[in-house]
Amino acid sequence: MGRIVYIRGQFVPEQDARISLFDRGFLFGDAVYEVTAVINGRMIDNDLHLDRLERSLKELAIPQTFSRADIAMVQAELIARNALQNGTVYLQVSRGDADRDFFYSDTLAPCLVGFTQQKMLTGTKAQQHGIAVDLVDDPRWQRRDIKTVMLLGQVMAKQAARSGGFDDVWMVENGQVTEGASSTAHIITTKGRILTRPASQATLPGCTQRAIARLCAAEGLEIEERVFTPAEAQGAAEAFQTSASSLVTPVVRIGSQVIADGKPGAMTRKLQALYLEMAGVPV
């Protein structure tokens, strides 16, 4: 038996799931999504993900016709029905179905779908040894703070980076690093200060980024929110990226420049350990 997925109020086998040809998420990318990590059967940082989902819906004026408790129930039921221990639970909300028209009616019924994916999120090769990221001009639209399904720019950038021998990619705009294609970019200065971009419409507010900020505050570690250049990143003592599906991943090469000695640094290792401890994973 395959996965059980959720669509329009029902849990069904994935092969029986259907969305309309006229779903605005399909026709226009008029939809938002969230991905929550599941480790040892438990969702991680889900409060932050549900906060961000609500914000994305509000920014696009998509009515939230389901309560936060309802969404959490759907997530929990998907995890239970699929016996998911390690992986992710995905949610997507489109504005709804209507004949193709750029204009939309306020009476459309939003479509909520969800599914799980099995994946080992801890102890990965990338987390242990670090990754190399390419640097590319940011090709995306201006409202990156909304987590929409319009991901073609990221898809193309990631694919090109992999073809060039990189593991991932960081975006650059106006001479500043914005973020990873599906992650938040961080660097650590030679003075031990953690740098990450402040919230704006240029970047997605990262849930794992916020969780790391909470942990740093509790540990007395200094985080500075400001923009930084590719050259500053390449000259950093350490670099790492964060996301729900990759947690805290060291970056050991940016473009052609190896970071420090080319190995994950001590501060990055500490943040990895703190995050795993928070997630209830033995370190």
C-alpha atoms as a PDB file:
ATOM      1  CA  MET A   1       0.000   0.000   0.000  1.00  0.00           C
ATOM      2  CA  GLY A   2       1.352   3.432  -0.960  1.00  0.00           C
ATOM      3  CA  ARG A   3       1.320   6.652   0.968  1.00  0.00           C
ATOM      4  CA  ILE A   4      -1.821   8.145   2.397  1.00  0.00           C
ATOM      5  CA  VAL A   5      -2.202  11.793   1.423  1.00  0.00           C
ATOM      6  CA  TYR A   6      -4.672  14.509   2.332  1.00  0.00           C
ATOM      7  CA  ILE A   7      -6.793  16.484  -0.125  1.00  0.00           C
ATOM      8  CA  ARG A   8      -9.929  18.542   0.415  1.00  0.00           C
ATOM      9  CA  GLY A   9     -10.877  17.043   3.757  1.00  0.00           C
ATOM     10  CA  GLN A  10     -10.087  13.408   2.966  1.00  0.00           C
ATOM     11  CA  PHE A  11      -7.206  11.014   3.574  1.00  0.00           C
ATOM     12  CA  VAL A  12      -6.782   8.867   0.465  1.00  0.00           C
ATOM     13  CA  PRO A  13      -4.153   6.612  -1.154  1.00  0.00           C
ATOM     14  CA  GLU A  14      -1.776   8.744  -3.201  1.00  0.00           C
ATOM     15  CA  GLN A  15      -2.812   7.061  -6.463  1.00  0.00           C
ATOM     16  CA  ASP A  16      -6.396   8.214  -5.861  1.00  0.00           C
ATOM     17  CA  ALA A  17      -5.540  11.863  -5.122  1.00  0.00           C
ATOM     18  CA  ARG A  18      -6.744  14.405  -7.693  1.00  0.00           C
ATOM     19  CA  ILE A  19      -6.707  18.167  -8.023  1.00  0.00           C
ATOM     20  CA  SER A  20      -8.694  20.126 -10.564  1.00  0.00           C
ATOM     21  CA  LEU A  21      -7.240  21.174 -13.911  1.00  0.00           C
ATOM     22  CA  PHE A  22      -8.475  24.640 -12.938  1.00  0.00           C
ATOM     23  CA  ASP A  23      -6.709  24.813  -9.562  1.00  0.00           C
ATOM     24  CA  ARG A  24      -5.057  28.261  -9.440  1.00  0.00           C
ATOM     25  CA  GLY A  25      -1.941  26.773  -7.892  1.00  0.00           C
ATOM     26  CA  PHE A  26      -1.522  24.706 -11.046  1.00  0.00           C
ATOM     27  CA  LEU A  27      -2.438  27.478 -13.499  1.00  0.00           C
ATOM     28  CA  PHE A  28      -0.811  30.521 -11.847  1.00  0.00           C
ATOM     29  CA  GLY A  29       1.377  29.322  -8.976  1.00  0.00           C
ATOM     30  CA  ASP A  30      -1.294  30.968  -6.811  1.00  0.00           C
ATOM     31  CA  ALA A  31      -0.546  28.867  -3.730  1.00  0.00           C
ATOM     32  CA  VAL A  32       1.661  28.719  -0.656  1.00  0.00           C
ATOM     33  CA  TYR A  33       3.320  25.816   1.121  1.00  0.00           C
ATOM     34  CA  GLU A  34       5.196  24.716   4.225  1.00  0.00           C
ATOM     35  CA  VAL A  35       7.523  21.808   5.006  1.00  0.00           C
ATOM     36  CA  THR A  36       7.964  20.629   8.604  1.00  0.00           C
ATOM     37  CA  ALA A  37      10.733  18.265   9.661  1.00  0.00           C
ATOM     38  CA  VAL A  38       9.799  15.044  11.460  1.00  0.00           C
ATOM     39  CA  ILE A  39      12.473  13.432  13.630  1.00  0.00           C
ATOM     40  CA  ASN A  40      11.718  10.294  15.644  1.00  0.00           C
ATOM     41  CA  GLY A  41       8.036  10.740  14.836  1.00  0.00           C
ATOM     42  CA  ARG A  42       7.907  14.303  16.220  1.00  0.00           C
ATOM     43  CA  MET A  43       7.432  17.536  14.279  1.00  0.00           C
ATOM     44  CA  ILE A  44      10.213  20.092  14.787  1.00  0.00           C
ATOM     45  CA  ASP A  45       9.562  23.867  14.969  1.00  0.00           C
ATOM     46  CA  ASN A  46       5.992  23.335  13.756  1.00  0.00           C
ATOM     47  CA  ASP A  47       4.715  26.405  15.597  1.00  0.00           C
ATOM     48  CA  LEU A  48       7.065  28.535  13.491  1.00  0.00           C
ATOM     49  CA  HIS A  49       5.947  26.844  10.276  1.00  0.00           C
ATOM     50  CA  LEU A  50       2.268  27.366  11.057  1.00  0.00           C
ATOM     51  CA  ASP A  51       2.991  31.014  11.903  1.00  0.00           C
ATOM     52  CA  ARG A  52       4.641  31.443   8.522  1.00  0.00           C
ATOM     53  CA  LEU A  53       1.830  29.625   6.692  1.00  0.00           C
ATOM     54  CA  GLU A  54      -0.716  31.989   8.219  1.00  0.00           C
ATOM     55  CA  ARG A  55       1.409  34.990   7.237  1.00  0.00           C
ATOM     56  CA  SER A  56       1.818  33.784   3.650  1.00  0.00           C
ATOM     57  CA  LEU A  57      -1.939  33.260   3.298  1.00  0.00           C
ATOM     58  CA  LYS A  58      -2.615  36.723   4.685  1.00  0.00           C
ATOM     59  CA  GLU A  59      -0.095  38.400   2.361  1.00  0.00           C
ATOM     60  CA  LEU A  60      -1.799  36.825  -0.668  1.00  0.00           C
ATOM     61  CA  ALA A  61      -5.314  37.421   0.705  1.00  0.00           C
ATOM     62  CA  ILE A  62      -6.097  33.693   0.558  1.00  0.00           C
ATOM     63  CA  PRO A  63      -8.806  33.043   3.172  1.00  0.00           C
ATOM     64  CA  GLN A  64      -7.794  30.679   5.959  1.00  0.00           C
ATOM     65  CA  THR A  65     -10.919  28.526   6.097  1.00  0.00           C
ATOM     66  CA  PHE A  66      -9.359  25.957   8.440  1.00  0.00           C
ATOM     67  CA  SER A  67      -8.116  26.504  11.966  1.00  0.00           C
ATOM     68  CA  ARG A  68      -4.551  26.100  13.120  1.00  0.00           C
ATOM     69  CA  ALA A  69      -5.679  23.118  15.200  1.00  0.00           C
ATOM     70  CA  ASP A  70      -7.240  21.563  12.101  1.00  0.00           C
ATOM     71  CA  ILE A  71      -3.980  21.884  10.180  1.00  0.00           C
ATOM     72  CA  ALA A  72      -1.961  20.381  13.027  1.00  0.00           C
ATOM     73  CA  MET A  73      -4.440  17.494  13.145  1.00  0.00           C
ATOM     74  CA  VAL A  74      -3.958  16.859   9.433  1.00  0.00           C
ATOM     75  CA  GLN A  75      -0.197  16.824   9.894  1.00  0.00           C
ATOM     76  CA  ALA A  76      -0.370  14.466  12.872  1.00  0.00           C
ATOM     77  CA  GLU A  77      -2.764  12.130  11.067  1.00  0.00           C
ATOM     78  CA  LEU A  78      -0.535  12.003   7.986  1.00  0.00           C
ATOM     79  CA  ILE A  79       2.446  11.118  10.166  1.00  0.00           C
ATOM     80  CA  ALA A  80       0.463   8.419  11.969  1.00  0.00           C
ATOM     81  CA  ARG A  81      -1.146   6.877   8.873  1.00  0.00           C
ATOM     82  CA  ASN A  82       2.191   6.704   7.084  1.00  0.00           C
ATOM     83  CA  ALA A  83       4.106   5.542  10.186  1.00  0.00           C
ATOM     84  CA  LEU A  84       6.602   8.329   9.500  1.00  0.00           C
ATOM     85  CA  GLN A  85       9.567   8.412  11.854  1.00  0.00           C
ATOM     86  CA  ASN A  86      12.024  10.552   9.917  1.00  0.00           C
ATOM     87  CA  GLY A  87      11.264  12.867   7.030  1.00  0.00           C
ATOM     88  CA  THR A  88       8.967  15.764   6.277  1.00  0.00           C
ATOM     89  CA  VAL A  89       5.295  16.626   6.185  1.00  0.00           C
ATOM     90  CA  TYR A  90       4.307  18.953   3.342  1.00  0.00           C
ATOM     91  CA  LEU A  91       1.296  21.276   3.238  1.00  0.00           C
ATOM     92  CA  GLN A  92       0.060  23.326   0.296  1.00  0.00           C
ATOM     93  CA  VAL A  93      -2.838  25.752   0.091  1.00  0.00           C
ATOM     94  CA  SER A  94      -4.038  27.092  -3.259  1.00  0.00           C
ATOM     95  CA  ARG A  95      -6.575  29.856  -3.706  1.00  0.00           C
ATOM     96  CA  GLY A  96      -8.991  27.316  -5.193  1.00  0.00           C
ATOM     97  CA  ASP A  97     -10.567  26.272  -8.489  1.00  0.00           C
ATOM     98  CA  ALA A  98     -11.937  28.616 -11.181  1.00  0.00           C
ATOM     99  CA  ASP A  99     -11.890  28.937 -14.938  1.00  0.00           C
ATOM    100  CA  ARG A 100      -8.586  30.482 -16.011  1.00  0.00           C
ATOM    101  CA  ASP A 101      -8.629  34.220 -15.392  1.00  0.00           C
ATOM    102  CA  PHE A 102      -5.996  36.523 -13.931  1.00  0.00           C
ATOM    103  CA  PHE A 103      -8.723  38.062 -11.765  1.00  0.00           C
ATOM    104  CA  TYR A 104     -10.123  35.931  -8.954  1.00  0.00           C
ATOM    105  CA  SER A 105     -13.266  35.919  -6.899  1.00  0.00           C
ATOM    106  CA  ASP A 106     -13.209  36.376  -3.147  1.00  0.00           C
ATOM    107  CA  THR A 107     -15.659  33.468  -2.879  1.00  0.00           C
ATOM    108  CA  LEU A 108     -13.207  30.768  -4.008  1.00  0.00           C
ATOM    109  CA  ALA A 109     -12.735  27.858  -1.600  1.00  0.00           C
ATOM    110  CA  PRO A 110      -9.035  27.301  -0.821  1.00  0.00           C
ATOM    111  CA  CYS A 111      -7.672  23.809  -1.448  1.00  0.00           C
ATOM    112  CA  LEU A 112      -5.505  22.266   1.284  1.00  0.00           C
ATOM    113  CA  VAL A 113      -3.375  19.237   0.410  1.00  0.00           C
ATOM    114  CA  GLY A 114      -0.699  17.417   2.370  1.00  0.00           C
ATOM    115  CA  PHE A 115       1.664  14.472   2.174  1.00  0.00           C
ATOM    116  CA  THR A 116       4.697  12.980   3.890  1.00  0.00           C
ATOM    117  CA  GLN A 117       8.141  12.086   2.580  1.00  0.00           C
ATOM    118  CA  GLN A 118      10.517   9.649   4.238  1.00  0.00           C
ATOM    119  CA  LYS A 119      14.022  11.048   4.518  1.00  0.00           C
ATOM    120  CA  MET A 120      16.930  10.829   6.924  1.00  0.00           C
ATOM    121  CA  LEU A 121      17.390  14.339   8.263  1.00  0.00           C
ATOM    122  CA  THR A 122      20.220  13.740  10.734  1.00  0.00           C
ATOM    123  CA  GLY A 123      23.714  12.347  10.352  1.00  0.00           C
ATOM    124  CA  THR A 124      23.828  13.059   6.628  1.00  0.00           C
ATOM    125  CA  LYS A 125      27.059  13.255   4.655  1.00  0.00           C
ATOM    126  CA  ALA A 126      26.403  16.955   4.040  1.00  0.00           C
ATOM    127  CA  GLN A 127      25.985  17.654   7.759  1.00  0.00           C
ATOM    128  CA  GLN A 128      29.111  15.688   8.631  1.00  0.00           C
ATOM    129  CA  HIS A 129      31.492  16.986   5.972  1.00  0.00           C
ATOM    130  CA  GLY A 130      29.929  20.194   4.659  1.00  0.00           C
ATOM    131  CA  ILE A 131      28.879  21.261   1.181  1.00  0.00           C
ATOM    132  CA  ALA A 132      30.042  23.506  -1.648  1.00  0.00           C
ATOM    133  CA  VAL A 133      27.656  26.229  -2.819  1.00  0.00           C
ATOM    134  CA  ASP A 134      27.745  28.172  -6.056  1.00  0.00           C
ATOM    135  CA  LEU A 135      26.983  31.908  -6.287  1.00  0.00           C
ATOM    136  CA  VAL A 136      24.419  33.096  -8.858  1.00  0.00           C
ATOM    137  CA  ASP A 137      22.432  36.248  -9.569  1.00  0.00           C
ATOM    138  CA  ASP A 138      19.049  36.027  -7.856  1.00  0.00           C
ATOM    139  CA  PRO A 139      16.410  35.441 -10.578  1.00  0.00           C
ATOM    140  CA  ARG A 140      13.315  35.483  -8.392  1.00  0.00           C
ATOM    141  CA  TRP A 141      10.356  37.828  -7.926  1.00  0.00           C
ATOM    142  CA  GLN A 142      10.342  40.614  -5.348  1.00  0.00           C
ATOM    143  CA  ARG A 143       8.119  39.058  -2.652  1.00  0.00           C
ATOM    144  CA  ARG A 144      10.375  36.252  -1.493  1.00  0.00           C
ATOM    145  CA  ASP A 145       9.097  36.685   2.052  1.00  0.00           C
ATOM    146  CA  ILE A 146       5.932  34.830   0.972  1.00  0.00           C
ATOM    147  CA  LYS A 147       6.469  31.072   0.721  1.00  0.00           C
ATOM    148  CA  THR A 148       4.772  30.506  -2.616  1.00  0.00           C
ATOM    149  CA  VAL A 149       5.027  27.473  -4.885  1.00  0.00           C
ATOM    150  CA  MET A 150       6.678  29.589  -7.613  1.00  0.00           C
ATOM    151  CA  LEU A 151      10.034  27.822  -7.393  1.00  0.00           C
ATOM    152  CA  LEU A 152      11.209  27.642 -11.010  1.00  0.00           C
ATOM    153  CA  GLY A 153      14.059  30.094 -10.383  1.00  0.00           C
ATOM    154  CA  GLN A 154      15.314  27.935  -7.526  1.00  0.00           C
ATOM    155  CA  VAL A 155      14.910  24.743  -9.552  1.00  0.00           C
ATOM    156  CA  MET A 156      16.968  26.126 -12.431  1.00  0.00           C
ATOM    157  CA  ALA A 157      19.664  27.541 -10.124  1.00  0.00           C
ATOM    158  CA  LYS A 158      20.006  24.289  -8.156  1.00  0.00           C
ATOM    159  CA  GLN A 159      20.163  22.197 -11.326  1.00  0.00           C
ATOM    160  CA  ALA A 160      22.835  24.433 -12.856  1.00  0.00           C
ATOM    161  CA  ALA A 161      24.859  24.336  -9.629  1.00  0.00           C
ATOM    162  CA  ARG A 162      24.749  20.546  -9.521  1.00  0.00           C
ATOM    163  CA  SER A 163      25.819  20.369 -13.172  1.00  0.00           C
ATOM    164  CA  GLY A 164      28.772  22.593 -12.222  1.00  0.00           C
ATOM    165  CA  GLY A 165      29.897  20.262  -9.441  1.00  0.00           C
ATOM    166  CA  PHE A 166      28.308  22.123  -6.511  1.00  0.00           C
ATOM    167  CA  ASP A 167      25.938  20.754  -3.895  1.00  0.00           C
ATOM    168  CA  ASP A 168      23.738  23.838  -3.657  1.00  0.00           C
ATOM    169  CA  VAL A 169      23.588  27.528  -4.471  1.00  0.00           C
ATOM    170  CA  TRP A 170      23.406  30.916  -2.758  1.00  0.00           C
ATOM    171  CA  MET A 171      21.662  33.828  -4.485  1.00  0.00           C
ATOM    172  CA  VAL A 172      23.201  37.292  -4.933  1.00  0.00           C
ATOM    173  CA  GLU A 173      21.400  40.584  -5.579  1.00  0.00           C
ATOM    174  CA  ASN A 174      22.815  44.120  -5.681  1.00  0.00           C
ATOM    175  CA  GLY A 175      26.169  42.831  -4.522  1.00  0.00           C
ATOM    176  CA  GLN A 176      24.740  41.116  -1.428  1.00  0.00           C
ATOM    177  CA  VAL A 177      23.976  37.484  -0.620  1.00  0.00           C
ATOM    178  CA  THR A 178      20.218  37.035  -0.250  1.00  0.00           C
ATOM    179  CA  GLU A 179      19.758  33.367   0.717  1.00  0.00           C
ATOM    180  CA  GLY A 180      20.119  29.814  -0.469  1.00  0.00           C
ATOM    181  CA  ALA A 181      17.757  28.457  -3.106  1.00  0.00           C
ATOM    182  CA  SER A 182      15.929  26.548  -0.356  1.00  0.00           C
ATOM    183  CA  SER A 183      17.765  27.616   2.776  1.00  0.00           C
ATOM    184  CA  THR A 184      18.937  30.560   4.880  1.00  0.00           C
ATOM    185  CA  ALA A 185      22.581  31.591   4.468  1.00  0.00           C
ATOM    186  CA  HIS A 186      24.756  32.272   7.531  1.00  0.00           C
ATOM    187  CA  ILE A 187      28.407  33.134   7.994  1.00  0.00           C
ATOM    188  CA  ILE A 188      30.571  33.385  11.100  1.00  0.00           C
ATOM    189  CA  THR A 189      33.169  36.155  11.251  1.00  0.00           C
ATOM    190  CA  THR A 190      36.725  35.748  12.449  1.00  0.00           C
ATOM    191  CA  LYS A 191      35.537  37.389  15.695  1.00  0.00           C
ATOM    192  CA  GLY A 192      32.947  34.640  16.236  1.00  0.00           C
ATOM    193  CA  ARG A 193      29.897  36.722  15.325  1.00  0.00           C
ATOM    194  CA  ILE A 194      27.100  34.914  13.471  1.00  0.00           C
ATOM    195  CA  LEU A 195      25.739  36.935  10.545  1.00  0.00           C
ATOM    196  CA  THR A 196      22.420  36.438   8.800  1.00  0.00           C
ATOM    197  CA  ARG A 197      20.198  38.781   6.793  1.00  0.00           C
ATOM    198  CA  PRO A 198      17.435  40.702   8.552  1.00  0.00           C
ATOM    199  CA  ALA A 199      13.808  40.068   7.650  1.00  0.00           C
ATOM    200  CA  SER A 200      12.653  41.836   4.498  1.00  0.00           C
ATOM    201  CA  GLN A 201      10.793  41.150   1.276  1.00  0.00           C
ATOM    202  CA  ALA A 202      14.093  40.026  -0.269  1.00  0.00           C
ATOM    203  CA  THR A 203      14.284  36.771   1.704  1.00  0.00           C
ATOM    204  CA  LEU A 204      12.043  34.146   3.238  1.00  0.00           C
ATOM    205  CA  PRO A 205      11.911  34.318   7.049  1.00  0.00           C
ATOM    206  CA  GLY A 206      13.461  30.962   7.905  1.00  0.00           C
ATOM    207  CA  CYS A 207      11.859  28.856  10.615  1.00  0.00           C
ATOM    208  CA  THR A 208      15.089  26.982  11.355  1.00  0.00           C
ATOM    209  CA  GLN A 209      16.839  30.355  11.264  1.00  0.00           C
ATOM    210  CA  ARG A 210      14.486  31.591  13.996  1.00  0.00           C
ATOM    211  CA  ALA A 211      14.968  28.432  16.034  1.00  0.00           C
ATOM    212  CA  ILE A 212      18.739  28.883  15.847  1.00  0.00           C
ATOM    213  CA  ALA A 213      18.347  32.502  16.979  1.00  0.00           C
ATOM    214  CA  ARG A 214      16.398  31.304  20.033  1.00  0.00           C
ATOM    215  CA  LEU A 215      19.119  28.784  20.870  1.00  0.00           C
ATOM    216  CA  CYS A 216      21.848  31.384  20.463  1.00  0.00           C
ATOM    217  CA  ALA A 217      20.028  33.792  22.763  1.00  0.00           C
ATOM    218  CA  ALA A 218      19.761  31.065  25.409  1.00  0.00           C
ATOM    219  CA  GLU A 219      23.475  30.234  25.028  1.00  0.00           C
ATOM    220  CA  GLY A 220      24.685  33.831  24.959  1.00  0.00           C
ATOM    221  CA  LEU A 221      25.928  33.570  21.377  1.00  0.00           C
ATOM    222  CA  GLU A 222      25.875  36.758  19.335  1.00  0.00           C
ATOM    223  CA  ILE A 223      23.860  36.983  16.119  1.00  0.00           C
ATOM    224  CA  GLU A 224      23.971  40.094  13.982  1.00  0.00           C
ATOM    225  CA  GLU A 225      21.262  40.590  11.374  1.00  0.00           C
ATOM    226  CA  ARG A 226      22.763  42.471   8.440  1.00  0.00           C
ATOM    227  CA  VAL A 227      23.519  41.968   4.770  1.00  0.00           C
ATOM    228  CA  PHE A 228      26.890  40.631   3.668  1.00  0.00           C
ATOM    229  CA  THR A 229      28.725  40.370   0.365  1.00  0.00           C
ATOM    230  CA  PRO A 230      29.938  37.257  -1.447  1.00  0.00           C
ATOM    231  CA  ALA A 231      33.522  38.355  -0.728  1.00  0.00           C
ATOM    232  CA  GLU A 232      32.703  38.662   2.973  1.00  0.00           C
ATOM    233  CA  ALA A 233      31.188  35.185   2.906  1.00  0.00           C
ATOM    234  CA  GLN A 234      34.201  33.729   1.123  1.00  0.00           C
ATOM    235  CA  GLY A 235      36.513  35.306   3.700  1.00  0.00           C
ATOM    236  CA  ALA A 236      34.495  34.129   6.710  1.00  0.00           C
ATOM    237  CA  ALA A 237      35.817  31.849   9.417  1.00  0.00           C
ATOM    238  CA  GLU A 238      32.826  29.523   8.928  1.00  0.00           C
ATOM    239  CA  ALA A 239      29.635  29.315   6.904  1.00  0.00           C
ATOM    240  CA  PHE A 240      26.476  27.259   7.130  1.00  0.00           C
ATOM    241  CA  GLN A 241      22.917  27.129   5.896  1.00  0.00           C
ATOM    242  CA  THR A 242      19.690  26.180   7.630  1.00  0.00           C
ATOM    243  CA  SER A 243      16.374  24.734   6.517  1.00  0.00           C
ATOM    244  CA  ALA A 244      13.685  22.389   7.780  1.00  0.00           C
ATOM    245  CA  SER A 245      14.904  19.496   5.652  1.00  0.00           C
ATOM    246  CA  SER A 246      18.661  20.006   6.057  1.00  0.00           C
ATOM    247  CA  LEU A 247      18.728  21.409   9.633  1.00  0.00           C
ATOM    248  CA  VAL A 248      22.188  22.987  10.156  1.00  0.00           C
ATOM    249  CA  THR A 249      24.503  22.165   7.245  1.00  0.00           C
ATOM    250  CA  PRO A 250      28.117  23.381   7.100  1.00  0.00           C
ATOM    251  CA  VAL A 251      29.267  25.178   3.953  1.00  0.00           C
ATOM    252  CA  VAL A 252      32.958  24.540   3.301  1.00  0.00           C
ATOM    253  CA  ARG A 253      33.305  26.107  -0.150  1.00  0.00           C
ATOM    254  CA  ILE A 254      31.588  29.141  -1.681  1.00  0.00           C
ATOM    255  CA  GLY A 255      32.181  29.437  -5.399  1.00  0.00           C
ATOM    256  CA  SER A 256      35.869  28.729  -5.970  1.00  0.00           C
ATOM    257  CA  GLN A 257      36.865  29.783  -2.447  1.00  0.00           C
ATOM    258  CA  VAL A 258      37.425  27.156   0.261  1.00  0.00           C
ATOM    259  CA  ILE A 259      36.237  28.428   3.656  1.00  0.00           C
ATOM    260  CA  ALA A 260      39.042  28.427   6.249  1.00  0.00           C
ATOM    261  CA  ASP A 261      40.565  24.908   6.255  1.00  0.00           C
ATOM    262  CA  GLY A 262      37.733  23.376   4.235  1.00  0.00           C
ATOM    263  CA  LYS A 263      36.205  21.571   7.192  1.00  0.00           C
ATOM    264  CA  PRO A 264      33.098  22.342   9.311  1.00  0.00           C
ATOM    265  CA  GLY A 265      34.072  24.777  12.050  1.00  0.00           C
ATOM    266  CA  ALA A 266      33.681  24.568  15.815  1.00  0.00           C
ATOM    267  CA  MET A 267      30.840  27.092  16.058  1.00  0.00           C
ATOM    268  CA  THR A 268      28.856  25.345  13.333  1.00  0.00           C
ATOM    269  CA  ARG A 269      29.362  22.041  15.127  1.00  0.00           C
ATOM    270  CA  LYS A 270      28.099  23.622  18.352  1.00  0.00           C
ATOM    271  CA  LEU A 271      24.975  24.939  16.622  1.00  0.00           C
ATOM    272  CA  GLN A 272      24.349  21.523  15.076  1.00  0.00           C
ATOM    273  CA  ALA A 273      24.574  19.911  18.500  1.00  0.00           C
ATOM    274  CA  LEU A 274      22.321  22.509  20.139  1.00  0.00           C
ATOM    275  CA  TYR A 275      19.681  22.076  17.451  1.00  0.00           C
ATOM    276  CA  LEU A 276      19.726  18.290  17.651  1.00  0.00           C
ATOM    277  CA  GLU A 277      19.475  18.472  21.440  1.00  0.00           C
ATOM    278  CA  MET A 278      16.446  20.743  21.111  1.00  0.00           C
ATOM    279  CA  ALA A 279      14.949  18.250  18.643  1.00  0.00           C
ATOM    280  CA  GLY A 280      15.445  15.412  21.121  1.00  0.00           C
ATOM    281  CA  VAL A 281      18.133  13.639  19.067  1.00  0.00           C
ATOM    282  CA  PRO A 282      21.060  12.093  20.962  1.00  0.00           C
ATOM    283  CA  VAL A 283      24.270  13.910  20.019  1.00  0.00           C
END
